[in-house]
Amino acid sequence: MGDAALLTAILVLDRGCLYADSEGRRWLPVFPAAGTEWDAAARTLTMDGRTAVVGKTVELGGGTARADVITSAPEGCDRSQVWLVVSVGS
């Protein structure tokens, strides 16, 4: 798909893993370290000044990626479908 695709999904937090659920598929979104912040108390993720909330619909610009691009996901997260995020919208 390249990095110009758009995934419209609901953010889900499941056993310490953040997923993007879309049309019956669960993706493990991978965000760039620079410019991305996770607020566990508020259950929000902010990337480049745009905030996404767990349980709400979000648009993730990016594309599919191999699981070996992940360096910081918690152990036990399902890495079978990875979405490399380049932008966040709502």
Protein backbone atom coordinates (compact mmCIF):
# COMPACT_ATOMS: atom_id res chain seq x y z
CA MET A 1 0.00 0.00 0.00
CA GLY A 2 2.90 2.38 0.54
CA ASP A 3 2.70 5.12 3.13
CA ALA A 4 -0.16 7.06 1.51
CA ALA A 5 -3.03 4.79 2.57
CA LEU A 6 -5.65 5.74 5.16
CA LEU A 7 -6.88 3.42 7.90
CA THR A 8 -10.09 4.51 9.63
CA ALA A 9 -10.29 2.58 12.87
CA ILE A 10 -11.23 2.58 16.54
CA LEU A 11 -8.31 2.63 18.96
CA VAL A 12 -8.46 -0.27 21.42
CA LEU A 13 -6.25 -0.92 24.44
CA ASP A 14 -6.07 -4.67 25.13
CA ARG A 15 -3.70 -6.18 27.73
CA GLY A 16 -1.26 -3.29 27.44
CA CYS A 17 -1.27 -3.23 23.64
CA LEU A 18 -2.73 -0.42 21.56
CA TYR A 19 -4.56 -1.64 18.45
CA ALA A 20 -6.53 -0.08 15.62
CA ASP A 21 -9.70 -2.09 14.87
CA SER A 22 -11.11 -1.60 11.37
CA GLU A 23 -13.76 -3.63 9.54
CA GLY A 24 -13.16 -6.78 11.56
CA ARG A 25 -9.36 -6.58 11.36
CA ARG A 26 -7.02 -5.66 14.19
CA TRP A 27 -3.85 -3.73 13.38
CA LEU A 28 -0.88 -2.98 15.60
CA PRO A 29 -0.11 0.66 14.81
CA VAL A 30 3.54 1.68 14.94
CA PHE A 31 4.17 5.36 15.61
CA PRO A 32 7.42 7.27 15.14
CA ALA A 33 9.24 7.85 18.44
CA ALA A 34 9.87 11.52 17.69
CA GLY A 35 6.74 13.64 17.99
CA THR A 36 4.55 10.94 19.59
CA GLU A 37 3.35 10.92 23.23
CA TRP A 38 1.18 8.41 25.13
CA ASP A 39 -0.85 9.61 28.14
CA ALA A 40 -1.86 6.49 30.06
CA ALA A 41 -4.12 8.36 32.51
CA ALA A 42 -6.12 10.10 29.76
CA ARG A 43 -5.77 7.11 27.37
CA THR A 44 -4.72 9.43 24.55
CA LEU A 45 -2.00 9.37 21.97
CA THR A 46 -0.68 12.61 20.53
CA MET A 47 1.37 12.73 17.35
CA ASP A 48 2.60 16.01 15.92
CA GLY A 49 -0.01 17.93 17.93
CA ARG A 50 -3.00 15.77 16.88
CA THR A 51 -4.66 13.70 19.60
CA ALA A 52 -6.41 10.33 19.29
CA VAL A 53 -8.48 8.81 22.11
CA VAL A 54 -8.86 5.12 22.98
CA GLY A 55 -12.40 4.02 22.14
CA LYS A 56 -12.87 6.69 19.47
CA THR A 57 -12.56 6.57 15.69
CA VAL A 58 -9.27 7.83 14.28
CA GLU A 59 -7.75 8.15 10.82
CA LEU A 60 -4.21 6.79 10.57
CA GLY A 61 -2.28 7.74 7.47
CA GLY A 62 0.45 5.28 6.56
CA GLY A 63 0.59 1.74 5.30
CA THR A 64 1.28 -1.88 6.08
CA ALA A 65 4.68 -2.94 7.39
CA ARG A 66 6.58 -6.04 8.41
CA ALA A 67 6.62 -6.98 12.09
CA ASP A 68 10.41 -6.58 12.24
CA VAL A 69 10.04 -2.76 12.08
CA ILE A 70 8.69 -2.79 15.65
CA THR A 71 11.21 -1.94 18.34
CA SER A 72 9.05 -0.83 21.27
CA ALA A 73 5.75 -2.75 21.40
CA PRO A 74 5.16 -4.65 24.65
CA GLU A 75 5.78 -8.39 24.60
CA GLY A 76 2.65 -10.36 23.79
CA CYS A 77 1.16 -7.84 21.37
CA ASP A 78 -0.22 -9.39 18.19
CA ARG A 79 2.21 -8.37 15.43
CA SER A 80 0.55 -10.28 12.62
CA GLN A 81 -0.87 -7.09 11.04
CA VAL A 82 1.26 -3.96 11.43
CA TRP A 83 0.31 -0.44 10.33
CA LEU A 84 3.18 2.04 10.08
CA VAL A 85 1.65 5.42 11.00
CA VAL A 86 2.83 8.65 9.36
CA SER A 87 -0.12 10.89 10.36
CA VAL A 88 -3.07 11.01 12.78
CA GLY A 89 -6.44 12.63 12.12
CA SER A 90 -10.01 12.32 13.29
